[in-house]
């Protein structure tokens, strides 16, 4: 859940950043809304299981994945840096959901597995989106004679 709240805040900050063109703002706003939906789905499932979901940014700051700093006033970095950081966030989320699915399998909790698989699919799409941005900015250049015999 911590990674979802971090992503909501981070993507919303990017969408609202100074100088962000509207298409980029919509892209990040959409991802922020997806992450908020994931958070809501997880909170609902945790409540169904009689658990206590986290709700405050302070709790998130204590539980944030990796070395990603969470603050109350995140600044939106430029688009490529945002895509790089977002790729890291999505990779961490994917790893976390895969581990959570394994745990839910051990507990034979099919409802939780279904919720987590749905979120995992979205996170994998998000990762592909951010990787596409990075690849467009840094295309791999293949020399025209690469692979030609006798050159």
C-alpha atoms as a PDB file:
ATOM      1  CA  UNK A   1       0.000   0.000   0.000  1.00  0.00           C
ATOM      2  CA  UNK A   2       2.870   2.336   0.709  1.00  0.00           C
ATOM      3  CA  UNK A   3       4.087   2.133  -2.880  1.00  0.00           C
ATOM      4  CA  UNK A   4       0.596   3.015  -4.131  1.00  0.00           C
ATOM      5  CA  UNK A   5       0.370   6.151  -1.987  1.00  0.00           C
ATOM      6  CA  UNK A   6       3.907   7.163  -2.968  1.00  0.00           C
ATOM      7  CA  UNK A   7       2.978   6.735  -6.629  1.00  0.00           C
ATOM      8  CA  UNK A   8      -0.288   8.692  -6.258  1.00  0.00           C
ATOM      9  CA  UNK A   9       1.574  11.635  -4.761  1.00  0.00           C
ATOM     10  CA  UNK A  10       4.522  11.405  -7.143  1.00  0.00           C
ATOM     11  CA  UNK A  11       2.442  11.173 -10.333  1.00  0.00           C
ATOM     12  CA  UNK A  12       0.042  13.891  -9.195  1.00  0.00           C
ATOM     13  CA  UNK A  13       3.045  16.137  -8.513  1.00  0.00           C
ATOM     14  CA  UNK A  14       4.350  15.478 -12.018  1.00  0.00           C
ATOM     15  CA  UNK A  15       0.967  16.294 -13.552  1.00  0.00           C
ATOM     16  CA  UNK A  16       0.836  19.594 -11.681  1.00  0.00           C
ATOM     17  CA  UNK A  17       4.461  20.572 -12.319  1.00  0.00           C
ATOM     18  CA  UNK A  18       5.359  23.948 -13.750  1.00  0.00           C
ATOM     19  CA  UNK A  19       5.941  23.796 -17.485  1.00  0.00           C
ATOM     20  CA  UNK A  20       4.427  20.337 -17.971  1.00  0.00           C
ATOM     21  CA  UNK A  21       2.640  20.121 -21.313  1.00  0.00           C
ATOM     22  CA  UNK A  22      -0.995  19.035 -21.187  1.00  0.00           C
ATOM     23  CA  UNK A  23      -0.456  15.610 -22.796  1.00  0.00           C
ATOM     24  CA  UNK A  24       2.224  14.774 -20.223  1.00  0.00           C
ATOM     25  CA  UNK A  25       0.029  16.101 -17.427  1.00  0.00           C
ATOM     26  CA  UNK A  26      -2.852  13.871 -18.578  1.00  0.00           C
ATOM     27  CA  UNK A  27      -0.502  10.875 -18.778  1.00  0.00           C
ATOM     28  CA  UNK A  28       0.679  11.313 -15.186  1.00  0.00           C
ATOM     29  CA  UNK A  29      -2.783  12.253 -13.926  1.00  0.00           C
ATOM     30  CA  UNK A  30      -4.143   9.015 -15.393  1.00  0.00           C
ATOM     31  CA  UNK A  31      -1.414   6.974 -13.737  1.00  0.00           C
ATOM     32  CA  UNK A  32      -2.072   8.730 -10.430  1.00  0.00           C
ATOM     33  CA  UNK A  33      -5.764   7.837 -10.689  1.00  0.00           C
ATOM     34  CA  UNK A  34      -4.880   4.200 -11.450  1.00  0.00           C
ATOM     35  CA  UNK A  35      -2.624   4.037  -8.394  1.00  0.00           C
ATOM     36  CA  UNK A  36      -5.363   5.583  -6.232  1.00  0.00           C
ATOM     37  CA  UNK A  37      -7.698   2.850  -7.475  1.00  0.00           C
ATOM     38  CA  UNK A  38      -5.127   0.215  -6.531  1.00  0.00           C
ATOM     39  CA  UNK A  39      -4.827   1.720  -3.071  1.00  0.00           C
ATOM     40  CA  UNK A  40      -8.619   1.684  -2.679  1.00  0.00           C
ATOM     41  CA  UNK A  41      -8.836  -1.955  -3.816  1.00  0.00           C
ATOM     42  CA  UNK A  42      -6.131  -2.957  -1.340  1.00  0.00           C
ATOM     43  CA  UNK A  43      -7.720  -0.978   1.497  1.00  0.00           C
ATOM     44  CA  UNK A  44     -11.078  -2.637   0.791  1.00  0.00           C
ATOM     45  CA  UNK A  45      -9.523  -6.095   0.827  1.00  0.00           C
ATOM     46  CA  UNK A  46      -7.568  -5.375   4.016  1.00  0.00           C
ATOM     47  CA  UNK A  47     -10.793  -4.194   5.679  1.00  0.00           C
ATOM     48  CA  UNK A  48     -12.585  -7.369   4.511  1.00  0.00           C
ATOM     49  CA  UNK A  49      -9.824  -9.378   6.203  1.00  0.00           C
ATOM     50  CA  UNK A  50     -10.279  -7.335   9.408  1.00  0.00           C
ATOM     51  CA  UNK A  51      -6.899  -5.593   8.971  1.00  0.00           C
ATOM     52  CA  UNK A  52      -5.976  -1.930   9.271  1.00  0.00           C
ATOM     53  CA  UNK A  53      -4.827  -0.173   6.069  1.00  0.00           C
ATOM     54  CA  UNK A  54      -2.478   2.796   6.299  1.00  0.00           C
ATOM     55  CA  UNK A  55      -3.932   6.190   5.511  1.00  0.00           C
ATOM     56  CA  UNK A  56      -1.435   8.956   6.266  1.00  0.00           C
ATOM     57  CA  UNK A  57       1.643  10.212   4.434  1.00  0.00           C
ATOM     58  CA  UNK A  58       3.575   9.896   7.712  1.00  0.00           C
ATOM     59  CA  UNK A  59       2.847   6.168   7.803  1.00  0.00           C
ATOM     60  CA  UNK A  60       3.852   5.925   4.157  1.00  0.00           C
ATOM     61  CA  UNK A  61       7.116   7.738   4.835  1.00  0.00           C
ATOM     62  CA  UNK A  62       8.000   5.065   7.371  1.00  0.00           C
ATOM     63  CA  UNK A  63       7.135   2.240   4.979  1.00  0.00           C
ATOM     64  CA  UNK A  64       8.169   3.650   1.574  1.00  0.00           C
ATOM     65  CA  UNK A  65       9.954   1.118  -0.611  1.00  0.00           C
ATOM     66  CA  UNK A  66      13.650   1.362  -1.411  1.00  0.00           C
ATOM     67  CA  UNK A  67      15.470   4.633  -1.145  1.00  0.00           C
ATOM     68  CA  UNK A  68      12.632   6.780  -2.516  1.00  0.00           C
ATOM     69  CA  UNK A  69      12.185   9.774  -0.275  1.00  0.00           C
ATOM     70  CA  UNK A  70       8.618  10.675   0.587  1.00  0.00           C
ATOM     71  CA  UNK A  71       7.842  14.218   1.612  1.00  0.00           C
ATOM     72  CA  UNK A  72       4.726  16.299   1.893  1.00  0.00           C
ATOM     73  CA  UNK A  73       5.842  18.615  -0.925  1.00  0.00           C
ATOM     74  CA  UNK A  74       7.316  16.535  -3.721  1.00  0.00           C
ATOM     75  CA  UNK A  75       8.559  18.568  -6.676  1.00  0.00           C
ATOM     76  CA  UNK A  76       7.989  17.301 -10.184  1.00  0.00           C
ATOM     77  CA  UNK A  77      11.341  16.667 -11.856  1.00  0.00           C
ATOM     78  CA  UNK A  78      11.711  16.923 -15.586  1.00  0.00           C
ATOM     79  CA  UNK A  79       9.932  14.282 -17.650  1.00  0.00           C
ATOM     80  CA  UNK A  80      12.850  11.895 -18.225  1.00  0.00           C
ATOM     81  CA  UNK A  81      13.881  11.910 -14.581  1.00  0.00           C
ATOM     82  CA  UNK A  82      10.233  11.385 -13.686  1.00  0.00           C
ATOM     83  CA  UNK A  83      10.035   8.420 -16.074  1.00  0.00           C
ATOM     84  CA  UNK A  84      13.233   6.932 -14.611  1.00  0.00           C
ATOM     85  CA  UNK A  85      11.985   7.243 -11.042  1.00  0.00           C
ATOM     86  CA  UNK A  86       8.542   5.987 -12.064  1.00  0.00           C
ATOM     87  CA  UNK A  87      10.142   2.922 -13.654  1.00  0.00           C
ATOM     88  CA  UNK A  88      11.860   2.232 -10.332  1.00  0.00           C
ATOM     89  CA  UNK A  89       8.587   2.674  -8.431  1.00  0.00           C
ATOM     90  CA  UNK A  90       6.723   0.370 -10.798  1.00  0.00           C
ATOM     91  CA  UNK A  91       9.487  -2.259 -10.663  1.00  0.00           C
ATOM     92  CA  UNK A  92       9.340  -2.240  -6.859  1.00  0.00           C
ATOM     93  CA  UNK A  93       5.558  -2.495  -6.952  1.00  0.00           C
ATOM     94  CA  UNK A  94       5.702  -5.426  -9.401  1.00  0.00           C
ATOM     95  CA  UNK A  95       8.155  -7.261  -7.163  1.00  0.00           C
ATOM     96  CA  UNK A  96       5.972  -6.602  -4.120  1.00  0.00           C
ATOM     97  CA  UNK A  97       2.791  -7.821  -5.831  1.00  0.00           C
ATOM     98  CA  UNK A  98       4.474 -10.982  -7.101  1.00  0.00           C
ATOM     99  CA  UNK A  99       5.621 -11.750  -3.552  1.00  0.00           C
ATOM    100  CA  UNK A 100       2.167 -10.955  -2.150  1.00  0.00           C
ATOM    101  CA  UNK A 101       0.554 -13.268  -4.721  1.00  0.00           C
ATOM    102  CA  UNK A 102       2.872 -16.070  -3.614  1.00  0.00           C
ATOM    103  CA  UNK A 103       1.920 -15.460   0.007  1.00  0.00           C
ATOM    104  CA  UNK A 104      -1.787 -15.421  -0.852  1.00  0.00           C
ATOM    105  CA  UNK A 105      -1.325 -18.727  -2.724  1.00  0.00           C
ATOM    106  CA  UNK A 106       0.219 -20.271   0.385  1.00  0.00           C
ATOM    107  CA  UNK A 107      -2.801 -19.107   2.354  1.00  0.00           C
ATOM    108  CA  UNK A 108      -5.140 -20.300  -0.419  1.00  0.00           C
ATOM    109  CA  UNK A 109      -6.784 -16.861  -0.533  1.00  0.00           C
ATOM    110  CA  UNK A 110      -8.223 -16.773  -4.056  1.00  0.00           C
ATOM    111  CA  UNK A 111      -9.994 -13.423  -3.587  1.00  0.00           C
ATOM    112  CA  UNK A 112      -6.777 -11.668  -2.628  1.00  0.00           C
ATOM    113  CA  UNK A 113      -4.936 -13.372  -5.490  1.00  0.00           C
ATOM    114  CA  UNK A 114      -7.539 -12.026  -7.939  1.00  0.00           C
ATOM    115  CA  UNK A 115      -7.201  -8.464  -6.574  1.00  0.00           C
ATOM    116  CA  UNK A 116      -3.402  -8.615  -6.641  1.00  0.00           C
ATOM    117  CA  UNK A 117      -3.230 -10.075 -10.160  1.00  0.00           C
ATOM    118  CA  UNK A 118      -5.405  -7.277 -11.493  1.00  0.00           C
ATOM    119  CA  UNK A 119      -3.191  -4.646  -9.880  1.00  0.00           C
ATOM    120  CA  UNK A 120      -0.034  -6.455 -11.041  1.00  0.00           C
ATOM    121  CA  UNK A 121      -1.254  -6.327 -14.659  1.00  0.00           C
ATOM    122  CA  UNK A 122      -1.761  -2.551 -14.371  1.00  0.00           C
ATOM    123  CA  UNK A 123       1.665  -2.074 -12.806  1.00  0.00           C
ATOM    124  CA  UNK A 124       3.287  -4.038 -15.636  1.00  0.00           C
ATOM    125  CA  UNK A 125       1.505  -1.775 -18.155  1.00  0.00           C
ATOM    126  CA  UNK A 126       2.684   1.306 -16.268  1.00  0.00           C
ATOM    127  CA  UNK A 127       6.266   0.034 -16.313  1.00  0.00           C
ATOM    128  CA  UNK A 128       6.030  -0.507 -20.075  1.00  0.00           C
ATOM    129  CA  UNK A 129       4.696   3.067 -20.491  1.00  0.00           C
ATOM    130  CA  UNK A 130       7.611   4.575 -18.588  1.00  0.00           C
ATOM    131  CA  UNK A 131      10.169   2.372 -20.303  1.00  0.00           C
ATOM    132  CA  UNK A 132       8.780   3.476 -23.681  1.00  0.00           C
ATOM    133  CA  UNK A 133       9.343   7.119 -22.716  1.00  0.00           C
ATOM    134  CA  UNK A 134      12.919   6.340 -21.734  1.00  0.00           C
ATOM    135  CA  UNK A 135      13.560   4.327 -24.893  1.00  0.00           C
ATOM    136  CA  UNK A 136      12.236   7.146 -27.105  1.00  0.00           C
ATOM    137  CA  UNK A 137      14.560   9.579 -25.367  1.00  0.00           C
ATOM    138  CA  UNK A 138      17.571   7.241 -25.534  1.00  0.00           C
ATOM    139  CA  UNK A 139      17.142   5.017 -28.595  1.00  0.00           C
ATOM    140  CA  UNK A 140      19.665   2.273 -29.177  1.00  0.00           C
ATOM    141  CA  UNK A 141      21.549   3.123 -32.361  1.00  0.00           C
ATOM    142  CA  UNK A 142      22.565   0.098 -34.390  1.00  0.00           C
ATOM    143  CA  UNK A 143      25.278   0.760 -37.005  1.00  0.00           C
ATOM    144  CA  UNK A 144      23.930   0.078 -40.519  1.00  0.00           C
ATOM    145  CA  UNK A 145      26.578  -2.578 -41.267  1.00  0.00           C
ATOM    146  CA  UNK A 146      26.053  -4.568 -38.064  1.00  0.00           C
ATOM    147  CA  UNK A 147      25.337  -8.186 -38.857  1.00  0.00           C
ATOM    148  CA  UNK A 148      26.467  -8.013 -42.465  1.00  0.00           C
ATOM    149  CA  UNK A 149      28.893 -10.744 -43.426  1.00  0.00           C
ATOM    150  CA  UNK A 150      32.218  -9.688 -44.978  1.00  0.00           C
ATOM    151  CA  UNK A 151      32.113  -6.058 -43.879  1.00  0.00           C
END
